[in-house]
Structures are given as C-alpha cells and as structure tokens.
C-alpha cells in the first residue's frame, strides 16, 4: 500500500515539524497547524481501515487513540484559547504514526460476527476518552506545581476547570468501558462461545474496577489531587495493557496474529 505509506510518513513528518516549531508559533498558528496535521492523520486512518483486507492491531489502535486525544484537545483549544499545542502531543502523534506503519496489525478478510465492529468502536472510543483524561490530569499536575511556585499567568488554565474536565472524561470513559465489556460478552454469546478470562479480559476488568473506585471515591469521599490522579494513571495503565499490551506481545514478541 504505497499511498498509505506515503501519507503516513507525511503525517509523521508534519507532527515532528509541529513538535519542533511549536514554541515559535503563535497560539492561532499552532492551532491551524494542528488542524492540518489532524486532517492528514484522519486520511491515513481511513485509508488503513478501508484497505482490502482491513487490518487492525496495537499500532493502529494507538494511532486512533492519539487522533481522538488530539481531536479533544483541538476542540478545547477553541473554547479555552489559553490552551496551546504541546510539543509532547505532537511528538506522540509522530510516534503513533510510525508504530502504525511498522506494526499494521492482523488482516481481517472476514468478520466472525456483525457485533465485532461495534466492540472495536466502543473500545477505541473508551481508549480515547481515558487518554484525554490522563492528558488533563497531567495538565492539572503542571498547573498545581506552577501555582505552588508562583509561576501562573493569564495563559494558565484554571485548576478547577481542568479538574472538572478530567472527571468528565473519566466518567464518559467509564461508561464506554462498561459498554465495551458488555458488547464483548454479547459478541461471545453470538458466536456460542464462553466468556474467556484471558489477560486482555482480566486487565480490562481491572481497569473497569479501578476507574469505578476512582469515581466512587470522588463521589463519596471527595478524592482529588494526587490520590485521584494516581488512581486514574493506574486504571489507564490496566486499560493500556488490556488490548494494546496484549496485541504488542502477540504481534511483536511472539509473532502471532491470533
């Protein structure tokens, strides 16, 4: 697929250039540049997903997740102009595109169930929302540190606003993670198969429990600050291991597609 390779390389290079030049760009210019790279990334994703046969694995999953995070960030930068494009996000886009090129995943010439695309869509959307929550939690830590050091200015996002946005993404991610697990169970039943407690299922359930405990602690005990952020990082880590980690082991370490 030479067209996909060329488009993916162009997108990775554009992300790298944005990461290099972000400090030299004004907030408006950086948002416009991000929009252009975002469109390139979307085109690369669509070309990969609609290829014949379609392929999917941990590389494309990470690429879609990063694209969703950048989508959220781009929309929020319109609502909160003090948000600037971070070089780390652009750098993450570069890494994600290169990984998707190097590890395009397993081909799926035929789907075993019509529920499988729904399961994929819910899972990837859940990844994106939890990843967006992690990015906002990281911004919360930076803002809190700047406040303690007296380095805040007019371009700093209000801490309470970041906290509110973080937990909105956590809540939405938890709802989608619940739907993903239910869809996975329904998918197994549609194929007359039993629920398999493999490493992917175990890590996904651990993530669901951890994020659920975080929301319960926030509601009943008023969790915030380091306790909430560390619990979020733990839940996100379990979720990352659930699909991306398991596919990485199968595709890269064990060289198996199943």
C-alpha atoms as a PDB file:
ATOM      1  CA  UNK A   1       0.000   0.000   0.000  1.00  0.00           C
ATOM      2  CA  UNK A   2       2.392   2.714  -1.218  1.00  0.00           C
ATOM      3  CA  UNK A   3      -0.196   5.502  -0.940  1.00  0.00           C
ATOM      4  CA  UNK A   4      -0.843   4.693   2.722  1.00  0.00           C
ATOM      5  CA  UNK A   5       2.900   4.548   3.431  1.00  0.00           C
ATOM      6  CA  UNK A   6       3.496   7.935   1.805  1.00  0.00           C
ATOM      7  CA  UNK A   7       0.545   9.506   3.641  1.00  0.00           C
ATOM      8  CA  UNK A   8       1.619   8.039   6.981  1.00  0.00           C
ATOM      9  CA  UNK A   9       5.198   9.254   6.525  1.00  0.00           C
ATOM     10  CA  UNK A  10       3.947  12.724   5.589  1.00  0.00           C
ATOM     11  CA  UNK A  11       1.748  12.811   8.700  1.00  0.00           C
ATOM     12  CA  UNK A  12       4.578  11.653  10.972  1.00  0.00           C
ATOM     13  CA  UNK A  13       6.896  14.300   9.491  1.00  0.00           C
ATOM     14  CA  UNK A  14       4.235  17.002   9.911  1.00  0.00           C
ATOM     15  CA  UNK A  15       3.788  16.057  13.578  1.00  0.00           C
ATOM     16  CA  UNK A  16       7.552  16.138  14.090  1.00  0.00           C
ATOM     17  CA  UNK A  17       7.837  19.594  12.498  1.00  0.00           C
ATOM     18  CA  UNK A  18       4.986  20.876  14.674  1.00  0.00           C
ATOM     19  CA  UNK A  19       6.669  19.490  17.806  1.00  0.00           C
ATOM     20  CA  UNK A  20       9.916  21.223  16.786  1.00  0.00           C
ATOM     21  CA  UNK A  21       8.399  24.583  15.899  1.00  0.00           C
ATOM     22  CA  UNK A  22       5.545  24.904  18.406  1.00  0.00           C
ATOM     23  CA  UNK A  23       7.349  27.490  20.575  1.00  0.00           C
ATOM     24  CA  UNK A  24       7.978  29.684  17.528  1.00  0.00           C
ATOM     25  CA  UNK A  25       4.307  29.683  16.531  1.00  0.00           C
ATOM     26  CA  UNK A  26       1.572  31.889  17.907  1.00  0.00           C
ATOM     27  CA  UNK A  27      -1.403  30.149  19.569  1.00  0.00           C
ATOM     28  CA  UNK A  28      -3.547  30.749  16.475  1.00  0.00           C
ATOM     29  CA  UNK A  29      -0.864  29.458  14.108  1.00  0.00           C
ATOM     30  CA  UNK A  30      -0.241  26.377  16.249  1.00  0.00           C
ATOM     31  CA  UNK A  31      -3.965  25.537  16.272  1.00  0.00           C
ATOM     32  CA  UNK A  32      -4.150  25.905  12.488  1.00  0.00           C
ATOM     33  CA  UNK A  33      -1.086  23.723  12.042  1.00  0.00           C
ATOM     34  CA  UNK A  34      -2.575  21.110  14.354  1.00  0.00           C
ATOM     35  CA  UNK A  35      -5.802  21.130  12.326  1.00  0.00           C
ATOM     36  CA  UNK A  36      -3.872  20.460   9.098  1.00  0.00           C
ATOM     37  CA  UNK A  37      -1.945  17.559  10.654  1.00  0.00           C
ATOM     38  CA  UNK A  38      -5.175  16.273  12.228  1.00  0.00           C
ATOM     39  CA  UNK A  39      -6.741  16.052   8.754  1.00  0.00           C
ATOM     40  CA  UNK A  40      -3.705  14.190   7.391  1.00  0.00           C
ATOM     41  CA  UNK A  41      -3.899  11.767  10.317  1.00  0.00           C
ATOM     42  CA  UNK A  42      -7.604  11.168   9.680  1.00  0.00           C
ATOM     43  CA  UNK A  43      -6.972  10.451   5.996  1.00  0.00           C
ATOM     44  CA  UNK A  44      -4.250   7.944   6.912  1.00  0.00           C
ATOM     45  CA  UNK A  45      -6.570   6.208   9.383  1.00  0.00           C
ATOM     46  CA  UNK A  46      -9.413   5.979   6.869  1.00  0.00           C
ATOM     47  CA  UNK A  47      -7.142   4.655   4.150  1.00  0.00           C
ATOM     48  CA  UNK A  48      -5.843   1.973   6.503  1.00  0.00           C
ATOM     49  CA  UNK A  49      -9.252   0.937   7.836  1.00  0.00           C
ATOM     50  CA  UNK A  50     -10.829   0.682   4.369  1.00  0.00           C
ATOM     51  CA  UNK A  51      -7.942  -1.210   2.814  1.00  0.00           C
ATOM     52  CA  UNK A  52      -8.522  -4.694   1.407  1.00  0.00           C
ATOM     53  CA  UNK A  53      -8.336  -6.674   3.558  1.00  0.00           C
ATOM     54  CA  UNK A  54      -8.733  -4.357   6.571  1.00  0.00           C
ATOM     55  CA  UNK A  55      -6.014  -4.663   9.207  1.00  0.00           C
ATOM     56  CA  UNK A  56      -6.031  -3.855  12.893  1.00  0.00           C
ATOM     57  CA  UNK A  57      -3.633  -4.266  15.796  1.00  0.00           C
ATOM     58  CA  UNK A  58      -1.869  -2.412  18.579  1.00  0.00           C
ATOM     59  CA  UNK A  59      -0.214   0.087  16.173  1.00  0.00           C
ATOM     60  CA  UNK A  60      -3.444   1.277  14.538  1.00  0.00           C
ATOM     61  CA  UNK A  61      -5.186   1.211  17.941  1.00  0.00           C
ATOM     62  CA  UNK A  62      -2.599   3.601  19.379  1.00  0.00           C
ATOM     63  CA  UNK A  63      -2.852   5.780  16.279  1.00  0.00           C
ATOM     64  CA  UNK A  64      -6.634   6.081  16.579  1.00  0.00           C
ATOM     65  CA  UNK A  65      -6.332   6.803  20.307  1.00  0.00           C
ATOM     66  CA  UNK A  66      -3.835   9.614  19.747  1.00  0.00           C
ATOM     67  CA  UNK A  67      -6.036  11.061  16.990  1.00  0.00           C
ATOM     68  CA  UNK A  68      -9.016  11.097  19.371  1.00  0.00           C
ATOM     69  CA  UNK A  69      -6.951  12.821  22.072  1.00  0.00           C
ATOM     70  CA  UNK A  70      -5.825  15.468  19.585  1.00  0.00           C
ATOM     71  CA  UNK A  71      -9.444  15.905  18.478  1.00  0.00           C
ATOM     72  CA  UNK A  72     -10.484  16.637  22.051  1.00  0.00           C
ATOM     73  CA  UNK A  73      -7.528  18.967  22.562  1.00  0.00           C
ATOM     74  CA  UNK A  74      -8.219  20.856  19.327  1.00  0.00           C
ATOM     75  CA  UNK A  75     -11.873  21.379  20.262  1.00  0.00           C
ATOM     76  CA  UNK A  76     -10.983  22.530  23.762  1.00  0.00           C
ATOM     77  CA  UNK A  77      -8.409  24.983  22.441  1.00  0.00           C
ATOM     78  CA  UNK A  78     -11.285  26.764  20.686  1.00  0.00           C
ATOM     79  CA  UNK A  79     -13.215  27.029  23.956  1.00  0.00           C
ATOM     80  CA  UNK A  80     -10.146  27.825  26.063  1.00  0.00           C
ATOM     81  CA  UNK A  81      -7.750  29.941  23.961  1.00  0.00           C
ATOM     82  CA  UNK A  82      -5.078  29.779  26.674  1.00  0.00           C
ATOM     83  CA  UNK A  83      -4.509  26.136  25.748  1.00  0.00           C
ATOM     84  CA  UNK A  84      -1.538  25.835  23.401  1.00  0.00           C
ATOM     85  CA  UNK A  85      -0.429  22.899  21.305  1.00  0.00           C
ATOM     86  CA  UNK A  86       2.087  20.984  23.419  1.00  0.00           C
ATOM     87  CA  UNK A  87       5.180  19.594  21.788  1.00  0.00           C
ATOM     88  CA  UNK A  88       4.556  16.348  23.686  1.00  0.00           C
ATOM     89  CA  UNK A  89       1.214  15.804  21.952  1.00  0.00           C
ATOM     90  CA  UNK A  90       2.717  16.431  18.524  1.00  0.00           C
ATOM     91  CA  UNK A  91       5.619  14.135  19.407  1.00  0.00           C
ATOM     92  CA  UNK A  92       3.141  11.488  20.499  1.00  0.00           C
ATOM     93  CA  UNK A  93       1.440  11.785  17.122  1.00  0.00           C
ATOM     94  CA  UNK A  94       4.782  11.161  15.398  1.00  0.00           C
ATOM     95  CA  UNK A  95       5.435   8.034  17.452  1.00  0.00           C
ATOM     96  CA  UNK A  96       1.894   6.734  16.915  1.00  0.00           C
ATOM     97  CA  UNK A  97       2.109   7.102  13.129  1.00  0.00           C
ATOM     98  CA  UNK A  98       5.484   5.358  12.967  1.00  0.00           C
ATOM     99  CA  UNK A  99       4.232   2.488  15.140  1.00  0.00           C
ATOM    100  CA  UNK A 100       1.122   2.082  12.977  1.00  0.00           C
ATOM    101  CA  UNK A 101       3.379   1.853   9.920  1.00  0.00           C
ATOM    102  CA  UNK A 102       5.789  -0.618  11.496  1.00  0.00           C
ATOM    103  CA  UNK A 103       3.065  -2.804  13.046  1.00  0.00           C
ATOM    104  CA  UNK A 104      -0.102  -2.538  10.902  1.00  0.00           C
ATOM    105  CA  UNK A 105      -1.743  -5.462  12.677  1.00  0.00           C
ATOM    106  CA  UNK A 106      -3.582  -8.581  11.650  1.00  0.00           C
ATOM    107  CA  UNK A 107      -5.635  -8.735   8.408  1.00  0.00           C
ATOM    108  CA  UNK A 108      -9.363  -9.434   8.832  1.00  0.00           C
ATOM    109  CA  UNK A 109     -10.650 -10.756   5.464  1.00  0.00           C
ATOM    110  CA  UNK A 110     -13.984 -11.725   7.031  1.00  0.00           C
ATOM    111  CA  UNK A 111     -15.686 -10.760  10.269  1.00  0.00           C
ATOM    112  CA  UNK A 112     -16.885 -13.575  12.506  1.00  0.00           C
ATOM    113  CA  UNK A 113     -19.758 -11.501  13.852  1.00  0.00           C
ATOM    114  CA  UNK A 114     -21.518  -8.242  12.936  1.00  0.00           C
ATOM    115  CA  UNK A 115     -21.010  -7.203  16.590  1.00  0.00           C
ATOM    116  CA  UNK A 116     -17.217  -7.116  16.254  1.00  0.00           C
ATOM    117  CA  UNK A 117     -17.009  -3.619  14.652  1.00  0.00           C
ATOM    118  CA  UNK A 118     -19.220  -2.266  17.475  1.00  0.00           C
ATOM    119  CA  UNK A 119     -16.922  -3.845  20.044  1.00  0.00           C
ATOM    120  CA  UNK A 120     -13.890  -2.274  18.348  1.00  0.00           C
ATOM    121  CA  UNK A 121     -15.528   1.149  18.075  1.00  0.00           C
ATOM    122  CA  UNK A 122     -16.562   1.223  21.740  1.00  0.00           C
ATOM    123  CA  UNK A 123     -13.142   0.046  22.864  1.00  0.00           C
ATOM    124  CA  UNK A 124     -11.225   2.623  20.830  1.00  0.00           C
ATOM    125  CA  UNK A 125     -13.569   5.434  21.921  1.00  0.00           C
ATOM    126  CA  UNK A 126     -13.025   4.345  25.525  1.00  0.00           C
ATOM    127  CA  UNK A 127      -9.246   4.442  24.976  1.00  0.00           C
ATOM    128  CA  UNK A 128      -9.528   7.950  23.586  1.00  0.00           C
ATOM    129  CA  UNK A 129     -11.612   9.314  26.467  1.00  0.00           C
ATOM    130  CA  UNK A 130      -9.427   7.766  29.166  1.00  0.00           C
ATOM    131  CA  UNK A 131      -6.317   9.022  27.359  1.00  0.00           C
ATOM    132  CA  UNK A 132      -7.858  12.511  27.230  1.00  0.00           C
ATOM    133  CA  UNK A 133      -8.489  12.277  30.977  1.00  0.00           C
ATOM    134  CA  UNK A 134      -4.832  11.332  31.517  1.00  0.00           C
ATOM    135  CA  UNK A 135      -3.656  14.330  29.479  1.00  0.00           C
ATOM    136  CA  UNK A 136      -5.857  16.647  31.542  1.00  0.00           C
ATOM    137  CA  UNK A 137      -4.619  15.071  34.769  1.00  0.00           C
ATOM    138  CA  UNK A 138      -1.051  15.734  33.626  1.00  0.00           C
ATOM    139  CA  UNK A 139      -2.000  19.359  32.898  1.00  0.00           C
ATOM    140  CA  UNK A 140      -3.523  19.546  36.383  1.00  0.00           C
ATOM    141  CA  UNK A 141      -0.225  18.456  37.914  1.00  0.00           C
ATOM    142  CA  UNK A 142       1.697  21.053  35.890  1.00  0.00           C
ATOM    143  CA  UNK A 143      -0.746  23.810  36.844  1.00  0.00           C
ATOM    144  CA  UNK A 144      -0.701  22.861  40.533  1.00  0.00           C
ATOM    145  CA  UNK A 145       3.107  22.840  40.527  1.00  0.00           C
ATOM    146  CA  UNK A 146       3.193  26.246  38.818  1.00  0.00           C
ATOM    147  CA  UNK A 147       0.766  27.636  41.418  1.00  0.00           C
ATOM    148  CA  UNK A 148       2.939  26.418  44.287  1.00  0.00           C
ATOM    149  CA  UNK A 149       5.962  28.058  42.677  1.00  0.00           C
ATOM    150  CA  UNK A 150       4.079  31.276  41.915  1.00  0.00           C
ATOM    151  CA  UNK A 151       4.593  30.912  38.162  1.00  0.00           C
ATOM    152  CA  UNK A 152       0.992  31.161  36.960  1.00  0.00           C
ATOM    153  CA  UNK A 153      -0.061  33.798  34.449  1.00  0.00           C
ATOM    154  CA  UNK A 154      -3.006  34.707  32.225  1.00  0.00           C
ATOM    155  CA  UNK A 155      -2.250  31.811  29.879  1.00  0.00           C
ATOM    156  CA  UNK A 156      -2.607  29.179  32.629  1.00  0.00           C
ATOM    157  CA  UNK A 157      -5.758  27.076  32.539  1.00  0.00           C
ATOM    158  CA  UNK A 158      -7.761  27.340  35.810  1.00  0.00           C
ATOM    159  CA  UNK A 159      -7.089  24.337  38.028  1.00  0.00           C
ATOM    160  CA  UNK A 160     -10.762  23.763  38.874  1.00  0.00           C
ATOM    161  CA  UNK A 161     -11.653  23.825  35.178  1.00  0.00           C
ATOM    162  CA  UNK A 162      -9.006  21.188  34.437  1.00  0.00           C
ATOM    163  CA  UNK A 163     -10.244  19.061  37.321  1.00  0.00           C
ATOM    164  CA  UNK A 164     -13.851  19.287  36.140  1.00  0.00           C
ATOM    165  CA  UNK A 165     -12.884  18.356  32.571  1.00  0.00           C
ATOM    166  CA  UNK A 166     -10.723  15.466  33.789  1.00  0.00           C
ATOM    167  CA  UNK A 167     -13.559  13.814  35.674  1.00  0.00           C
ATOM    168  CA  UNK A 168     -15.995  14.378  32.830  1.00  0.00           C
ATOM    169  CA  UNK A 169     -13.683  12.397  30.573  1.00  0.00           C
ATOM    170  CA  UNK A 170     -13.202   9.758  33.269  1.00  0.00           C
ATOM    171  CA  UNK A 171     -16.967   9.364  33.666  1.00  0.00           C
ATOM    172  CA  UNK A 172     -17.565   9.139  29.905  1.00  0.00           C
ATOM    173  CA  UNK A 173     -14.689   6.674  29.561  1.00  0.00           C
ATOM    174  CA  UNK A 174     -16.085   4.503  32.353  1.00  0.00           C
ATOM    175  CA  UNK A 175     -19.492   4.401  30.653  1.00  0.00           C
ATOM    176  CA  UNK A 176     -17.921   3.362  27.349  1.00  0.00           C
ATOM    177  CA  UNK A 177     -15.681   0.805  29.060  1.00  0.00           C
ATOM    178  CA  UNK A 178     -18.780  -0.729  30.632  1.00  0.00           C
ATOM    179  CA  UNK A 179     -20.458  -0.827  27.222  1.00  0.00           C
ATOM    180  CA  UNK A 180     -17.310  -2.362  25.698  1.00  0.00           C
ATOM    181  CA  UNK A 181     -17.275  -5.201  28.228  1.00  0.00           C
ATOM    182  CA  UNK A 182     -20.989  -5.823  27.715  1.00  0.00           C
ATOM    183  CA  UNK A 183     -20.534  -5.822  23.930  1.00  0.00           C
ATOM    184  CA  UNK A 184     -17.666  -8.289  24.330  1.00  0.00           C
ATOM    185  CA  UNK A 185     -19.923 -10.616  26.297  1.00  0.00           C
ATOM    186  CA  UNK A 186     -22.688 -10.266  23.717  1.00  0.00           C
ATOM    187  CA  UNK A 187     -20.173 -10.915  20.945  1.00  0.00           C
ATOM    188  CA  UNK A 188     -19.084 -14.145  22.645  1.00  0.00           C
ATOM    189  CA  UNK A 189     -22.679 -15.289  23.075  1.00  0.00           C
ATOM    190  CA  UNK A 190     -23.475 -14.555  19.421  1.00  0.00           C
ATOM    191  CA  UNK A 191     -20.718 -16.999  18.474  1.00  0.00           C
ATOM    192  CA  UNK A 192     -21.911 -19.552  21.055  1.00  0.00           C
ATOM    193  CA  UNK A 193     -18.636 -19.161  22.935  1.00  0.00           C
ATOM    194  CA  UNK A 194     -17.926 -18.885  26.634  1.00  0.00           C
ATOM    195  CA  UNK A 195     -16.506 -15.744  28.228  1.00  0.00           C
ATOM    196  CA  UNK A 196     -12.735 -16.249  28.163  1.00  0.00           C
ATOM    197  CA  UNK A 197     -10.742 -14.956  31.140  1.00  0.00           C
ATOM    198  CA  UNK A 198      -7.528 -14.225  29.274  1.00  0.00           C
ATOM    199  CA  UNK A 199      -5.026 -11.450  30.008  1.00  0.00           C
ATOM    200  CA  UNK A 200      -6.986  -8.958  27.860  1.00  0.00           C
ATOM    201  CA  UNK A 201     -10.208  -9.579  29.754  1.00  0.00           C
ATOM    202  CA  UNK A 202      -8.503  -9.533  33.163  1.00  0.00           C
ATOM    203  CA  UNK A 203      -6.712  -6.223  32.552  1.00  0.00           C
ATOM    204  CA  UNK A 204      -9.887  -4.666  31.114  1.00  0.00           C
ATOM    205  CA  UNK A 205     -11.915  -5.704  34.171  1.00  0.00           C
ATOM    206  CA  UNK A 206      -9.136  -4.430  36.477  1.00  0.00           C
ATOM    207  CA  UNK A 207      -9.284  -1.099  34.649  1.00  0.00           C
ATOM    208  CA  UNK A 208     -13.078  -1.003  34.996  1.00  0.00           C
ATOM    209  CA  UNK A 209     -12.822  -1.689  38.735  1.00  0.00           C
ATOM    210  CA  UNK A 210     -10.070   0.903  39.245  1.00  0.00           C
ATOM    211  CA  UNK A 211     -11.891   3.657  37.356  1.00  0.00           C
ATOM    212  CA  UNK A 212     -15.128   2.723  39.144  1.00  0.00           C
ATOM    213  CA  UNK A 213     -13.365   3.012  42.521  1.00  0.00           C
ATOM    214  CA  UNK A 214     -11.990   6.399  41.449  1.00  0.00           C
ATOM    215  CA  UNK A 215     -15.458   7.714  40.600  1.00  0.00           C
ATOM    216  CA  UNK A 216     -16.900   6.268  43.809  1.00  0.00           C
ATOM    217  CA  UNK A 217     -14.081   7.813  45.842  1.00  0.00           C
ATOM    218  CA  UNK A 218     -14.656  11.134  44.144  1.00  0.00           C
ATOM    219  CA  UNK A 219     -18.407  10.998  44.825  1.00  0.00           C
ATOM    220  CA  UNK A 220     -18.376   9.646  48.381  1.00  0.00           C
ATOM    221  CA  UNK A 221     -15.000  10.764  49.751  1.00  0.00           C
ATOM    222  CA  UNK A 222     -14.197  13.797  47.632  1.00  0.00           C
ATOM    223  CA  UNK A 223     -10.993  12.351  46.178  1.00  0.00           C
ATOM    224  CA  UNK A 224      -8.882  14.882  44.327  1.00  0.00           C
ATOM    225  CA  UNK A 225      -5.254  15.810  43.794  1.00  0.00           C
ATOM    226  CA  UNK A 226      -2.573  13.135  43.921  1.00  0.00           C
ATOM    227  CA  UNK A 227      -4.847  10.340  45.118  1.00  0.00           C
ATOM    228  CA  UNK A 228      -7.265  10.800  42.236  1.00  0.00           C
ATOM    229  CA  UNK A 229      -4.544  11.277  39.624  1.00  0.00           C
ATOM    230  CA  UNK A 230      -2.569   8.211  40.691  1.00  0.00           C
ATOM    231  CA  UNK A 231      -5.710   6.088  40.678  1.00  0.00           C
ATOM    232  CA  UNK A 232      -6.513   7.368  37.184  1.00  0.00           C
ATOM    233  CA  UNK A 233      -2.995   6.540  35.977  1.00  0.00           C
ATOM    234  CA  UNK A 234      -3.340   3.029  37.413  1.00  0.00           C
ATOM    235  CA  UNK A 235      -6.686   2.446  35.688  1.00  0.00           C
ATOM    236  CA  UNK A 236      -5.338   3.816  32.396  1.00  0.00           C
ATOM    237  CA  UNK A 237      -2.310   1.547  32.703  1.00  0.00           C
ATOM    238  CA  UNK A 238      -4.530  -1.520  33.128  1.00  0.00           C
ATOM    239  CA  UNK A 239      -6.575  -0.452  30.111  1.00  0.00           C
ATOM    240  CA  UNK A 240      -3.450   0.024  28.004  1.00  0.00           C
ATOM    241  CA  UNK A 241      -2.265  -3.465  28.915  1.00  0.00           C
ATOM    242  CA  UNK A 242      -5.696  -4.908  28.172  1.00  0.00           C
ATOM    243  CA  UNK A 243      -5.619  -4.599  24.370  1.00  0.00           C
ATOM    244  CA  UNK A 244      -2.547  -2.696  23.205  1.00  0.00           C
ATOM    245  CA  UNK A 245      -0.244  -4.553  25.578  1.00  0.00           C
ATOM    246  CA  UNK A 246      -1.626  -7.988  24.699  1.00  0.00           C
ATOM    247  CA  UNK A 247      -1.507  -7.263  20.948  1.00  0.00           C
ATOM    248  CA  UNK A 248       2.064  -5.986  21.292  1.00  0.00           C
ATOM    249  CA  UNK A 249       3.117  -9.250  22.921  1.00  0.00           C
ATOM    250  CA  UNK A 250       1.344 -11.343  20.264  1.00  0.00           C
ATOM    251  CA  UNK A 251       2.438  -9.348  17.219  1.00  0.00           C
ATOM    252  CA  UNK A 252       5.955  -8.236  18.174  1.00  0.00           C
ATOM    253  CA  UNK A 253       7.296 -10.647  20.770  1.00  0.00           C
ATOM    254  CA  UNK A 254       5.524 -13.895  19.863  1.00  0.00           C
ATOM    255  CA  UNK A 255       5.000 -13.023  16.153  1.00  0.00           C
ATOM    256  CA  UNK A 256       1.460 -14.373  16.213  1.00  0.00           C
ATOM    257  CA  UNK A 257      -1.631 -12.771  14.726  1.00  0.00           C
ATOM    258  CA  UNK A 258      -4.271 -14.510  16.842  1.00  0.00           C
END
